[in-house]
Amino acid sequence: MTAIEAEGLRKAFGKVAALRGVDLAVPAGSVCALLGPNGAGKTTAVRVLATLTSPDGGSARVAGHDVIREPDKVRAAIGLAGQHAAVDDDLTGRENLLILGLMLHLGRRRARARATELLDCFGLADAADRLVKTWSGGMRRRLDLLASLIVAPEVLFLDEPTTGLDPRSRAEIWSTVRSLAAGGTTVLLTTQYLEEADRIADRIVIIDAGLVTAQGTPDELKNSLGSRVDVVLGDGAGGEALTAAAAVLRDITGSQPRVEREARRLTVPVAAGTMTLLELVRRLDAGGIDAADASIRRPTLDEVFLAQTESETEAAA
């Protein structure tokens, strides 16, 4: 089942095209990370899907409801936590959640029970009756997430949930998000932290200049760039040894390696999963190559991100 789907979403602000035809499909119960540089259209996409702004074209459905024709049903099915905490620092954590529950017509008894349940579940019970202004930044951010869960949403939108947090607080938010997904909530989050997306997302969508440039699981995106073979020859290896090593690597991979003579290093791309390190070492030995070091390195998500956003930027130019 698809919890979030969009086809050809377009949105412009004056002459600036924020979304230029975004297609998106997020399976129910998964965590999807929307990545992109500043101004790429991430927040605009979330605002359209959360019915906070109307698209100029295209279509979108969230939790089975059309964002244009059924905005009330969409709002009833979602939770939203923006970039800035929406809780009141001059109230306790429990009071914040209780008031929100009353505003959502849960009734005092149900609102109090729900507040206690959430505070216990997400490790904030010990601080529940302290003023929020005495809490750490990570604790306040978690409370902000809980505020969007008073009425358990089918879909939760998180706009850069860990911006400005220290590593420990970020890890706490990651744990909270994974717990929500394990409980059946579909999470769509925007982030500029690639490590964050790699750690917690089941699926990643890269958006740049209002267009989706790539999407897939973290492994699929990394594999799309292939791997890289690095070979370093031993001390004293001269030009003849480098030439011989280049010939062997060309025979192994089918591609001409790049040679760094001073570093005695040879580098050549190879399709992901087509060669193991053991196989590489054996073939180098068979070719008479005295390698001081050999490795097969997968690309990082940072490299995928740069490749996808740079290509789109160059195309737009």
C-alpha atoms as a PDB file:
ATOM      1  CA  MET A   1       0.000   0.000   0.000  1.00  0.00           C
ATOM      2  CA  THR A   2       1.245   3.474  -0.898  1.00  0.00           C
ATOM      3  CA  ALA A   3       0.712   6.045   1.855  1.00  0.00           C
ATOM      4  CA  ILE A   4       1.967   9.088  -0.086  1.00  0.00           C
ATOM      5  CA  GLU A   5       1.858   9.486  -3.840  1.00  0.00           C
ATOM      6  CA  ALA A   6       2.349  12.470  -6.092  1.00  0.00           C
ATOM      7  CA  GLU A   7       2.409  12.875  -9.845  1.00  0.00           C
ATOM      8  CA  GLY A   8       3.714  15.912 -11.668  1.00  0.00           C
ATOM      9  CA  LEU A   9       3.441  18.287  -8.702  1.00  0.00           C
ATOM     10  CA  ARG A  10       4.146  21.877  -9.705  1.00  0.00           C
ATOM     11  CA  LYS A  11       4.292  25.010  -7.587  1.00  0.00           C
ATOM     12  CA  ALA A  12       5.652  28.459  -8.374  1.00  0.00           C
ATOM     13  CA  PHE A  13       6.064  31.584  -6.288  1.00  0.00           C
ATOM     14  CA  GLY A  14       6.037  34.420  -8.763  1.00  0.00           C
ATOM     15  CA  LYS A  15       8.716  33.648 -11.331  1.00  0.00           C
ATOM     16  CA  VAL A  16      10.410  31.077  -9.095  1.00  0.00           C
ATOM     17  CA  ALA A  17       9.419  27.477  -9.869  1.00  0.00           C
ATOM     18  CA  ALA A  18       9.726  25.638  -6.542  1.00  0.00           C
ATOM     19  CA  LEU A  19       8.333  22.342  -7.892  1.00  0.00           C
ATOM     20  CA  ARG A  20       8.617  21.498 -11.587  1.00  0.00           C
ATOM     21  CA  GLY A  21       6.874  18.133 -11.804  1.00  0.00           C
ATOM     22  CA  VAL A  22       7.645  16.045  -8.742  1.00  0.00           C
ATOM     23  CA  ASP A  23       6.696  12.347  -8.727  1.00  0.00           C
ATOM     24  CA  LEU A  24       6.737  10.529  -5.405  1.00  0.00           C
ATOM     25  CA  ALA A  25       5.589   7.200  -3.965  1.00  0.00           C
ATOM     26  CA  VAL A  26       6.124   6.274  -0.311  1.00  0.00           C
ATOM     27  CA  PRO A  27       5.075   2.791   0.919  1.00  0.00           C
ATOM     28  CA  ALA A  28       2.980   2.632   4.076  1.00  0.00           C
ATOM     29  CA  GLY A  29       4.913   2.049   7.291  1.00  0.00           C
ATOM     30  CA  SER A  30       8.236   3.198   5.851  1.00  0.00           C
ATOM     31  CA  VAL A  31      10.601   6.108   6.452  1.00  0.00           C
ATOM     32  CA  CYS A  32      11.318   8.204   3.364  1.00  0.00           C
ATOM     33  CA  ALA A  33      13.988  10.918   3.411  1.00  0.00           C
ATOM     34  CA  LEU A  34      13.652  13.846   1.021  1.00  0.00           C
ATOM     35  CA  LEU A  35      17.129  15.225   0.300  1.00  0.00           C
ATOM     36  CA  GLY A  36      18.218  18.313  -1.577  1.00  0.00           C
ATOM     37  CA  PRO A  37      20.233  21.510  -1.321  1.00  0.00           C
ATOM     38  CA  ASN A  38      18.743  24.715   0.062  1.00  0.00           C
ATOM     39  CA  GLY A  39      15.993  25.959  -2.205  1.00  0.00           C
ATOM     40  CA  ALA A  40      15.559  22.590  -3.912  1.00  0.00           C
ATOM     41  CA  GLY A  41      11.831  22.407  -3.131  1.00  0.00           C
ATOM     42  CA  LYS A  42      11.812  20.010  -0.161  1.00  0.00           C
ATOM     43  CA  THR A  43       9.783  22.161   2.233  1.00  0.00           C
ATOM     44  CA  THR A  44       7.402  23.232  -0.543  1.00  0.00           C
ATOM     45  CA  ALA A  45       6.716  19.577  -1.354  1.00  0.00           C
ATOM     46  CA  VAL A  46       5.923  18.849   2.306  1.00  0.00           C
ATOM     47  CA  ARG A  47       3.650  21.898   2.538  1.00  0.00           C
ATOM     48  CA  VAL A  48       1.696  20.774  -0.537  1.00  0.00           C
ATOM     49  CA  LEU A  49       1.340  17.211   0.762  1.00  0.00           C
ATOM     50  CA  ALA A  50       0.253  18.498   4.195  1.00  0.00           C
ATOM     51  CA  THR A  51      -2.374  20.784   2.535  1.00  0.00           C
ATOM     52  CA  LEU A  52      -0.657  23.940   3.819  1.00  0.00           C
ATOM     53  CA  THR A  53      -0.363  25.256   0.272  1.00  0.00           C
ATOM     54  CA  SER A  54      -2.078  24.307  -2.984  1.00  0.00           C
ATOM     55  CA  PRO A  55      -0.151  23.030  -6.002  1.00  0.00           C
ATOM     56  CA  ASP A  56      -0.360  24.792  -9.339  1.00  0.00           C
ATOM     57  CA  GLY A  57      -0.553  21.484 -11.151  1.00  0.00           C
ATOM     58  CA  GLY A  58      -0.272  17.739 -10.780  1.00  0.00           C
ATOM     59  CA  SER A  59      -1.971  15.544  -8.192  1.00  0.00           C
ATOM     60  CA  ALA A  60      -1.236  14.047  -4.788  1.00  0.00           C
ATOM     61  CA  ARG A  61      -2.863  11.639  -2.370  1.00  0.00           C
ATOM     62  CA  VAL A  62      -1.964  11.150   1.288  1.00  0.00           C
ATOM     63  CA  ALA A  63      -3.404   8.238   3.309  1.00  0.00           C
ATOM     64  CA  GLY A  64      -5.712   7.579   0.366  1.00  0.00           C
ATOM     65  CA  HIS A  65      -7.144  11.121   0.214  1.00  0.00           C
ATOM     66  CA  ASP A  66      -6.713  13.758  -2.470  1.00  0.00           C
ATOM     67  CA  VAL A  67      -4.926  16.826  -1.105  1.00  0.00           C
ATOM     68  CA  ILE A  68      -7.024  19.174  -3.252  1.00  0.00           C
ATOM     69  CA  ARG A  69     -10.493  17.627  -3.062  1.00  0.00           C
ATOM     70  CA  GLU A  70     -10.259  16.161   0.452  1.00  0.00           C
ATOM     71  CA  PRO A  71      -7.964  18.428   2.500  1.00  0.00           C
ATOM     72  CA  ASP A  72      -9.916  17.888   5.745  1.00  0.00           C
ATOM     73  CA  LYS A  73      -9.537  14.112   5.480  1.00  0.00           C
ATOM     74  CA  VAL A  74      -5.817  14.498   4.778  1.00  0.00           C
ATOM     75  CA  ARG A  75      -5.367  16.743   7.831  1.00  0.00           C
ATOM     76  CA  ALA A  76      -7.214  14.240  10.004  1.00  0.00           C
ATOM     77  CA  ALA A  77      -4.792  11.496   8.939  1.00  0.00           C
ATOM     78  CA  ILE A  78      -1.458  13.311   9.300  1.00  0.00           C
ATOM     79  CA  GLY A  79       0.887  14.811  11.847  1.00  0.00           C
ATOM     80  CA  LEU A  80       3.327  17.610  11.071  1.00  0.00           C
ATOM     81  CA  ALA A  81       6.407  18.879  12.890  1.00  0.00           C
ATOM     82  CA  GLY A  82       8.110  21.863  11.289  1.00  0.00           C
ATOM     83  CA  GLN A  83      11.665  23.138  11.601  1.00  0.00           C
ATOM     84  CA  HIS A  84      10.916  25.122  14.762  1.00  0.00           C
ATOM     85  CA  ALA A  85       9.455  23.722  17.985  1.00  0.00           C
ATOM     86  CA  ALA A  86       5.794  24.599  18.482  1.00  0.00           C
ATOM     87  CA  VAL A  87       5.611  23.805  22.212  1.00  0.00           C
ATOM     88  CA  ASP A  88       5.246  26.398  24.991  1.00  0.00           C
ATOM     89  CA  ASP A  89       8.428  26.745  27.043  1.00  0.00           C
ATOM     90  CA  ASP A  90       6.498  28.199  30.000  1.00  0.00           C
ATOM     91  CA  LEU A  91       4.406  25.043  30.444  1.00  0.00           C
ATOM     92  CA  THR A  92       5.504  21.593  31.544  1.00  0.00           C
ATOM     93  CA  GLY A  93       5.816  18.816  29.005  1.00  0.00           C
ATOM     94  CA  ARG A  94       2.678  17.172  30.358  1.00  0.00           C
ATOM     95  CA  GLU A  95       0.713  20.436  30.219  1.00  0.00           C
ATOM     96  CA  ASN A  96       1.731  21.006  26.600  1.00  0.00           C
ATOM     97  CA  LEU A  97       0.412  17.621  25.534  1.00  0.00           C
ATOM     98  CA  LEU A  98      -2.713  17.865  27.689  1.00  0.00           C
ATOM     99  CA  ILE A  99      -3.710  21.205  26.152  1.00  0.00           C
ATOM    100  CA  LEU A 100      -3.184  19.867  22.654  1.00  0.00           C
ATOM    101  CA  GLY A 101      -5.313  16.829  23.476  1.00  0.00           C
ATOM    102  CA  LEU A 102      -8.117  19.077  24.714  1.00  0.00           C
ATOM    103  CA  MET A 103      -7.867  21.189  21.547  1.00  0.00           C
ATOM    104  CA  LEU A 104      -8.257  18.001  19.528  1.00  0.00           C
ATOM    105  CA  HIS A 105     -11.455  17.144  21.467  1.00  0.00           C
ATOM    106  CA  LEU A 106     -10.085  14.070  23.248  1.00  0.00           C
ATOM    107  CA  GLY A 107     -11.671  15.070  26.555  1.00  0.00           C
ATOM    108  CA  ARG A 108      -9.675  15.659  29.731  1.00  0.00           C
ATOM    109  CA  ARG A 109      -9.393  12.014  30.789  1.00  0.00           C
ATOM    110  CA  ARG A 110      -8.326  10.723  27.367  1.00  0.00           C
ATOM    111  CA  ALA A 111      -5.994  13.685  26.797  1.00  0.00           C
ATOM    112  CA  ARG A 112      -4.258  13.120  30.140  1.00  0.00           C
ATOM    113  CA  ALA A 113      -3.918   9.379  29.467  1.00  0.00           C
ATOM    114  CA  ARG A 114      -2.538   9.986  25.986  1.00  0.00           C
ATOM    115  CA  ALA A 115      -0.011  12.524  27.283  1.00  0.00           C
ATOM    116  CA  THR A 116       1.210  10.060  29.922  1.00  0.00           C
ATOM    117  CA  GLU A 117       1.423   7.262  27.360  1.00  0.00           C
ATOM    118  CA  LEU A 118       3.543   9.309  24.946  1.00  0.00           C
ATOM    119  CA  LEU A 119       5.852  10.702  27.629  1.00  0.00           C
ATOM    120  CA  ASP A 120       6.467   7.194  28.986  1.00  0.00           C
ATOM    121  CA  CYS A 121       6.923   5.629  25.564  1.00  0.00           C
ATOM    122  CA  PHE A 122       9.509   8.134  24.348  1.00  0.00           C
ATOM    123  CA  GLY A 123      11.609   8.481  27.485  1.00  0.00           C
ATOM    124  CA  LEU A 124      10.385  11.851  28.758  1.00  0.00           C
ATOM    125  CA  ALA A 125       8.421  10.727  31.824  1.00  0.00           C
ATOM    126  CA  ASP A 126      11.078  11.862  34.316  1.00  0.00           C
ATOM    127  CA  ALA A 127      10.976  15.421  32.950  1.00  0.00           C
ATOM    128  CA  ALA A 128       7.228  15.521  32.273  1.00  0.00           C
ATOM    129  CA  ASP A 129       6.369  17.902  35.106  1.00  0.00           C
ATOM    130  CA  ARG A 130       9.264  20.319  34.640  1.00  0.00           C
ATOM    131  CA  LEU A 131       8.918  23.531  32.634  1.00  0.00           C
ATOM    132  CA  VAL A 132       9.954  22.887  29.039  1.00  0.00           C
ATOM    133  CA  LYS A 133      12.371  25.846  29.119  1.00  0.00           C
ATOM    134  CA  THR A 134      14.546  23.771  31.471  1.00  0.00           C
ATOM    135  CA  TRP A 135      14.744  20.900  28.967  1.00  0.00           C
ATOM    136  CA  SER A 136      17.609  20.246  26.566  1.00  0.00           C
ATOM    137  CA  GLY A 137      17.220  21.004  22.865  1.00  0.00           C
ATOM    138  CA  GLY A 138      16.905  17.329  22.015  1.00  0.00           C
ATOM    139  CA  MET A 139      14.201  16.799  24.639  1.00  0.00           C
ATOM    140  CA  ARG A 140      12.223  19.799  23.369  1.00  0.00           C
ATOM    141  CA  ARG A 141      12.470  18.497  19.812  1.00  0.00           C
ATOM    142  CA  ARG A 142      11.172  15.094  20.914  1.00  0.00           C
ATOM    143  CA  LEU A 143       8.296  16.793  22.710  1.00  0.00           C
ATOM    144  CA  ASP A 144       7.523  18.633  19.494  1.00  0.00           C
ATOM    145  CA  LEU A 145       7.292  15.268  17.729  1.00  0.00           C
ATOM    146  CA  LEU A 146       5.003  13.931  20.443  1.00  0.00           C
ATOM    147  CA  ALA A 147       2.752  16.953  19.970  1.00  0.00           C
ATOM    148  CA  SER A 148       2.145  15.771  16.402  1.00  0.00           C
ATOM    149  CA  LEU A 149       1.244  12.299  17.713  1.00  0.00           C
ATOM    150  CA  ILE A 150      -1.521  13.181  20.189  1.00  0.00           C
ATOM    151  CA  VAL A 151      -3.962  11.683  17.722  1.00  0.00           C
ATOM    152  CA  ALA A 152      -1.908   8.859  16.230  1.00  0.00           C
ATOM    153  CA  PRO A 153      -1.349   9.815  12.561  1.00  0.00           C
ATOM    154  CA  GLU A 154      -1.195   7.458   9.629  1.00  0.00           C
ATOM    155  CA  VAL A 155       1.402   9.745   8.046  1.00  0.00           C
ATOM    156  CA  LEU A 156       3.913  12.008   9.792  1.00  0.00           C
ATOM    157  CA  PHE A 157       5.751  14.850   8.040  1.00  0.00           C
ATOM    158  CA  LEU A 158       8.996  16.032   9.632  1.00  0.00           C
ATOM    159  CA  ASP A 159      10.706  19.090   8.174  1.00  0.00           C
ATOM    160  CA  GLU A 160      14.408  18.934   9.119  1.00  0.00           C
ATOM    161  CA  PRO A 161      13.708  17.442  12.568  1.00  0.00           C
ATOM    162  CA  THR A 162      17.310  17.460  13.815  1.00  0.00           C
ATOM    163  CA  THR A 163      18.573  20.835  12.574  1.00  0.00           C
ATOM    164  CA  GLY A 164      20.837  22.421  15.187  1.00  0.00           C
ATOM    165  CA  LEU A 165      20.880  19.431  17.531  1.00  0.00           C
ATOM    166  CA  ASP A 166      24.005  17.828  18.996  1.00  0.00           C
ATOM    167  CA  PRO A 167      24.917  14.249  17.929  1.00  0.00           C
ATOM    168  CA  ARG A 168      23.350  12.642  21.022  1.00  0.00           C
ATOM    169  CA  SER A 169      20.053  14.492  20.537  1.00  0.00           C
ATOM    170  CA  ARG A 170      20.040  13.632  16.846  1.00  0.00           C
ATOM    171  CA  ALA A 171      20.465   9.945  17.712  1.00  0.00           C
ATOM    172  CA  GLU A 172      17.495  10.211  20.092  1.00  0.00           C
ATOM    173  CA  ILE A 173      15.330  11.646  17.307  1.00  0.00           C
ATOM    174  CA  TRP A 174      16.463   8.876  14.950  1.00  0.00           C
ATOM    175  CA  SER A 175      15.411   6.269  17.495  1.00  0.00           C
ATOM    176  CA  THR A 176      12.038   7.959  17.902  1.00  0.00           C
ATOM    177  CA  VAL A 177      11.427   8.024  14.152  1.00  0.00           C
ATOM    178  CA  ARG A 178      12.306   4.348  13.743  1.00  0.00           C
ATOM    179  CA  SER A 179       9.974   3.471  16.641  1.00  0.00           C
ATOM    180  CA  LEU A 180       7.131   5.314  14.934  1.00  0.00           C
ATOM    181  CA  ALA A 181       7.690   3.472  11.666  1.00  0.00           C
ATOM    182  CA  ALA A 182       7.845   0.151  13.509  1.00  0.00           C
ATOM    183  CA  GLY A 183       4.428   1.013  14.934  1.00  0.00           C
ATOM    184  CA  GLY A 184       2.965   1.497  11.447  1.00  0.00           C
ATOM    185  CA  THR A 185       3.284   5.249  10.938  1.00  0.00           C
ATOM    186  CA  THR A 186       4.592   6.364   7.543  1.00  0.00           C
ATOM    187  CA  VAL A 187       7.261   9.052   7.953  1.00  0.00           C
ATOM    188  CA  LEU A 188       8.363  11.537   5.304  1.00  0.00           C
ATOM    189  CA  LEU A 189      11.214  13.712   6.513  1.00  0.00           C
ATOM    190  CA  THR A 190      13.336  16.376   4.912  1.00  0.00           C
ATOM    191  CA  THR A 191      16.951  16.644   5.951  1.00  0.00           C
ATOM    192  CA  GLN A 192      20.304  18.041   4.880  1.00  0.00           C
ATOM    193  CA  TYR A 193      22.179  15.455   6.949  1.00  0.00           C
ATOM    194  CA  LEU A 194      23.082  12.621   4.587  1.00  0.00           C
ATOM    195  CA  GLU A 195      24.229  10.383   7.448  1.00  0.00           C
ATOM    196  CA  GLU A 196      20.768  10.781   8.947  1.00  0.00           C
ATOM    197  CA  ALA A 197      19.073   9.641   5.747  1.00  0.00           C
ATOM    198  CA  ASP A 198      21.473   6.727   5.378  1.00  0.00           C
ATOM    199  CA  ARG A 199      20.848   5.576   8.949  1.00  0.00           C
ATOM    200  CA  ILE A 200      17.072   5.754   9.265  1.00  0.00           C
ATOM    201  CA  ALA A 201      15.462   5.907   5.817  1.00  0.00           C
ATOM    202  CA  ASP A 202      14.062   2.894   3.998  1.00  0.00           C
ATOM    203  CA  ARG A 203      13.858   5.000   0.859  1.00  0.00           C
ATOM    204  CA  ILE A 204      15.569   8.199  -0.281  1.00  0.00           C
ATOM    205  CA  VAL A 205      14.351  10.774  -2.785  1.00  0.00           C
ATOM    206  CA  ILE A 206      16.820  13.398  -4.027  1.00  0.00           C
ATOM    207  CA  ILE A 207      15.259  16.617  -5.264  1.00  0.00           C
ATOM    208  CA  ASP A 208      17.059  19.524  -6.902  1.00  0.00           C
ATOM    209  CA  ALA A 209      15.728  22.655  -8.603  1.00  0.00           C
ATOM    210  CA  GLY A 210      12.167  21.385  -8.142  1.00  0.00           C
ATOM    211  CA  LEU A 211      12.718  18.000  -9.798  1.00  0.00           C
ATOM    212  CA  VAL A 212      13.328  14.487  -8.483  1.00  0.00           C
ATOM    213  CA  THR A 213      16.772  13.483  -9.744  1.00  0.00           C
ATOM    214  CA  ALA A 214      17.041  10.051  -8.102  1.00  0.00           C
ATOM    215  CA  GLN A 215      15.165   7.775  -5.722  1.00  0.00           C
ATOM    216  CA  GLY A 216      15.586   4.325  -4.236  1.00  0.00           C
ATOM    217  CA  THR A 217      16.939   2.581  -1.163  1.00  0.00           C
ATOM    218  CA  PRO A 218      20.286   3.839   0.166  1.00  0.00           C
ATOM    219  CA  ASP A 219      22.015   0.747  -1.266  1.00  0.00           C
ATOM    220  CA  GLU A 220      20.337   1.148  -4.665  1.00  0.00           C
ATOM    221  CA  LEU A 221      21.463   4.762  -4.918  1.00  0.00           C
ATOM    222  CA  LYS A 222      25.041   3.917  -3.947  1.00  0.00           C
ATOM    223  CA  ASN A 223      25.152   0.993  -6.368  1.00  0.00           C
ATOM    224  CA  SER A 224      23.966   3.282  -9.177  1.00  0.00           C
ATOM    225  CA  LEU A 225      27.380   4.994  -9.109  1.00  0.00           C
ATOM    226  CA  GLY A 226      29.249   1.706  -9.104  1.00  0.00           C
ATOM    227  CA  SER A 227      32.356   0.988  -7.035  1.00  0.00           C
ATOM    228  CA  ARG A 228      35.969   2.047  -7.287  1.00  0.00           C
ATOM    229  CA  VAL A 229      39.058  -0.143  -7.349  1.00  0.00           C
ATOM    230  CA  ASP A 230      42.166   1.405  -5.772  1.00  0.00           C
ATOM    231  CA  VAL A 231      45.592  -0.221  -6.083  1.00  0.00           C
ATOM    232  CA  VAL A 232      48.793   1.182  -4.559  1.00  0.00           C
ATOM    233  CA  LEU A 233      52.103  -0.279  -5.654  1.00  0.00           C
ATOM    234  CA  GLY A 234      55.014  -0.883  -3.311  1.00  0.00           C
ATOM    235  CA  ASP A 235      57.884   1.511  -2.623  1.00  0.00           C
ATOM    236  CA  GLY A 236      60.232   1.930  -5.532  1.00  0.00           C
ATOM    237  CA  ALA A 237      57.671   1.046  -8.206  1.00  0.00           C
ATOM    238  CA  GLY A 238      58.571   3.000 -11.342  1.00  0.00           C
ATOM    239  CA  GLY A 239      56.916   3.853 -14.606  1.00  0.00           C
ATOM    240  CA  GLU A 240      57.198   0.347 -16.052  1.00  0.00           C
ATOM    241  CA  ALA A 241      55.500  -1.189 -13.016  1.00  0.00           C
ATOM    242  CA  LEU A 242      52.682   1.370 -13.201  1.00  0.00           C
ATOM    243  CA  THR A 243      52.208   0.705 -16.897  1.00  0.00           C
ATOM    244  CA  ALA A 244      52.071  -3.040 -16.291  1.00  0.00           C
ATOM    245  CA  ALA A 245      49.609  -2.586 -13.422  1.00  0.00           C
ATOM    246  CA  ALA A 246      47.420  -0.355 -15.580  1.00  0.00           C
ATOM    247  CA  ALA A 247      47.324  -3.041 -18.264  1.00  0.00           C
ATOM    248  CA  VAL A 248      46.304  -5.716 -15.764  1.00  0.00           C
ATOM    249  CA  LEU A 249      43.574  -3.524 -14.269  1.00  0.00           C
ATOM    250  CA  ARG A 250      42.291  -2.657 -17.748  1.00  0.00           C
ATOM    251  CA  ASP A 251      42.098  -6.365 -18.522  1.00  0.00           C
ATOM    252  CA  ILE A 252      40.263  -7.066 -15.239  1.00  0.00           C
ATOM    253  CA  THR A 253      37.742  -4.209 -15.409  1.00  0.00           C
ATOM    254  CA  GLY A 254      37.510  -3.272 -19.070  1.00  0.00           C
ATOM    255  CA  SER A 255      38.260   0.381 -18.247  1.00  0.00           C
ATOM    256  CA  GLN A 256      41.405   2.471 -18.395  1.00  0.00           C
ATOM    257  CA  PRO A 257      42.575   3.275 -14.838  1.00  0.00           C
ATOM    258  CA  ARG A 258      43.623   6.724 -13.682  1.00  0.00           C
ATOM    259  CA  VAL A 259      47.288   6.720 -12.633  1.00  0.00           C
ATOM    260  CA  GLU A 260      48.769   8.933  -9.901  1.00  0.00           C
ATOM    261  CA  ARG A 261      52.493   8.426 -10.455  1.00  0.00           C
ATOM    262  CA  GLU A 262      53.836  10.154  -7.354  1.00  0.00           C
ATOM    263  CA  ALA A 263      51.452   8.241  -5.090  1.00  0.00           C
ATOM    264  CA  ARG A 264      51.951   5.001  -7.096  1.00  0.00           C
ATOM    265  CA  ARG A 265      48.142   4.717  -7.092  1.00  0.00           C
ATOM    266  CA  LEU A 266      45.835   3.393  -9.797  1.00  0.00           C
ATOM    267  CA  THR A 267      42.074   3.943  -9.675  1.00  0.00           C
ATOM    268  CA  VAL A 268      39.400   2.506 -11.950  1.00  0.00           C
ATOM    269  CA  PRO A 269      35.569   2.337 -11.748  1.00  0.00           C
ATOM    270  CA  VAL A 270      33.821  -1.018 -11.642  1.00  0.00           C
ATOM    271  CA  ALA A 271      30.161  -1.985 -11.615  1.00  0.00           C
ATOM    272  CA  ALA A 272      28.846  -2.602  -8.104  1.00  0.00           C
ATOM    273  CA  GLY A 273      28.896  -6.227  -6.987  1.00  0.00           C
ATOM    274  CA  THR A 274      30.857  -7.544  -9.961  1.00  0.00           C
ATOM    275  CA  MET A 275      34.090  -8.235  -8.087  1.00  0.00           C
ATOM    276  CA  THR A 276      35.210  -9.207  -4.612  1.00  0.00           C
ATOM    277  CA  LEU A 277      38.398  -8.020  -2.969  1.00  0.00           C
ATOM    278  CA  LEU A 278      39.709 -11.610  -2.845  1.00  0.00           C
ATOM    279  CA  GLU A 279      39.162 -11.965  -6.592  1.00  0.00           C
ATOM    280  CA  LEU A 280      40.931  -8.652  -7.225  1.00  0.00           C
ATOM    281  CA  VAL A 281      43.991  -9.661  -5.181  1.00  0.00           C
ATOM    282  CA  ARG A 282      44.208 -13.055  -6.877  1.00  0.00           C
ATOM    283  CA  ARG A 283      44.092 -11.516 -10.357  1.00  0.00           C
ATOM    284  CA  LEU A 284      46.712  -8.915  -9.445  1.00  0.00           C
ATOM    285  CA  ASP A 285      48.973 -11.732  -8.198  1.00  0.00           C
ATOM    286  CA  ALA A 286      48.334 -13.700 -11.370  1.00  0.00           C
ATOM    287  CA  GLY A 287      49.349 -10.670 -13.390  1.00  0.00           C
ATOM    288  CA  GLY A 288      52.579 -10.309 -11.456  1.00  0.00           C
ATOM    289  CA  ILE A 289      51.592  -7.044  -9.800  1.00  0.00           C
ATOM    290  CA  ASP A 290      53.252  -6.348  -6.436  1.00  0.00           C
ATOM    291  CA  ALA A 291      50.508  -4.348  -4.708  1.00  0.00           C
ATOM    292  CA  ALA A 292      51.159  -2.779  -1.312  1.00  0.00           C
ATOM    293  CA  ASP A 293      47.430  -2.133  -0.930  1.00  0.00           C
ATOM    294  CA  ALA A 294      44.250  -2.950  -2.827  1.00  0.00           C
ATOM    295  CA  SER A 295      40.654  -2.058  -2.076  1.00  0.00           C
ATOM    296  CA  ILE A 296      37.164  -1.922  -3.578  1.00  0.00           C
ATOM    297  CA  ARG A 297      35.263   1.061  -2.230  1.00  0.00           C
ATOM    298  CA  ARG A 298      31.537   1.693  -2.539  1.00  0.00           C
ATOM    299  CA  PRO A 299      30.478   5.319  -3.009  1.00  0.00           C
ATOM    300  CA  THR A 300      29.038   7.184  -0.060  1.00  0.00           C
ATOM    301  CA  LEU A 301      25.610   8.780  -0.031  1.00  0.00           C
ATOM    302  CA  ASP A 302      27.432  12.132  -0.071  1.00  0.00           C
ATOM    303  CA  GLU A 303      28.941  11.211  -3.440  1.00  0.00           C
ATOM    304  CA  VAL A 304      25.535  10.127  -4.776  1.00  0.00           C
ATOM    305  CA  PHE A 305      24.017  13.400  -3.583  1.00  0.00           C
ATOM    306  CA  LEU A 306      26.735  15.505  -5.216  1.00  0.00           C
ATOM    307  CA  ALA A 307      26.514  13.574  -8.480  1.00  0.00           C
ATOM    308  CA  GLN A 308      22.726  13.952  -8.683  1.00  0.00           C
ATOM    309  CA  THR A 309      22.492  17.590  -7.668  1.00  0.00           C
ATOM    310  CA  GLU A 310      25.494  18.755  -9.701  1.00  0.00           C
ATOM    311  CA  SER A 311      24.150  17.121 -12.872  1.00  0.00           C
ATOM    312  CA  GLU A 312      20.786  18.811 -12.439  1.00  0.00           C
ATOM    313  CA  THR A 313      22.391  22.176 -11.702  1.00  0.00           C
ATOM    314  CA  GLU A 314      24.525  21.898 -14.856  1.00  0.00           C
ATOM    315  CA  ALA A 315      21.464  20.906 -16.908  1.00  0.00           C
ATOM    316  CA  ALA A 316      19.506  23.900 -15.600  1.00  0.00           C
ATOM    317  CA  ALA A 317      22.407  26.222 -16.472  1.00  0.00           C
END
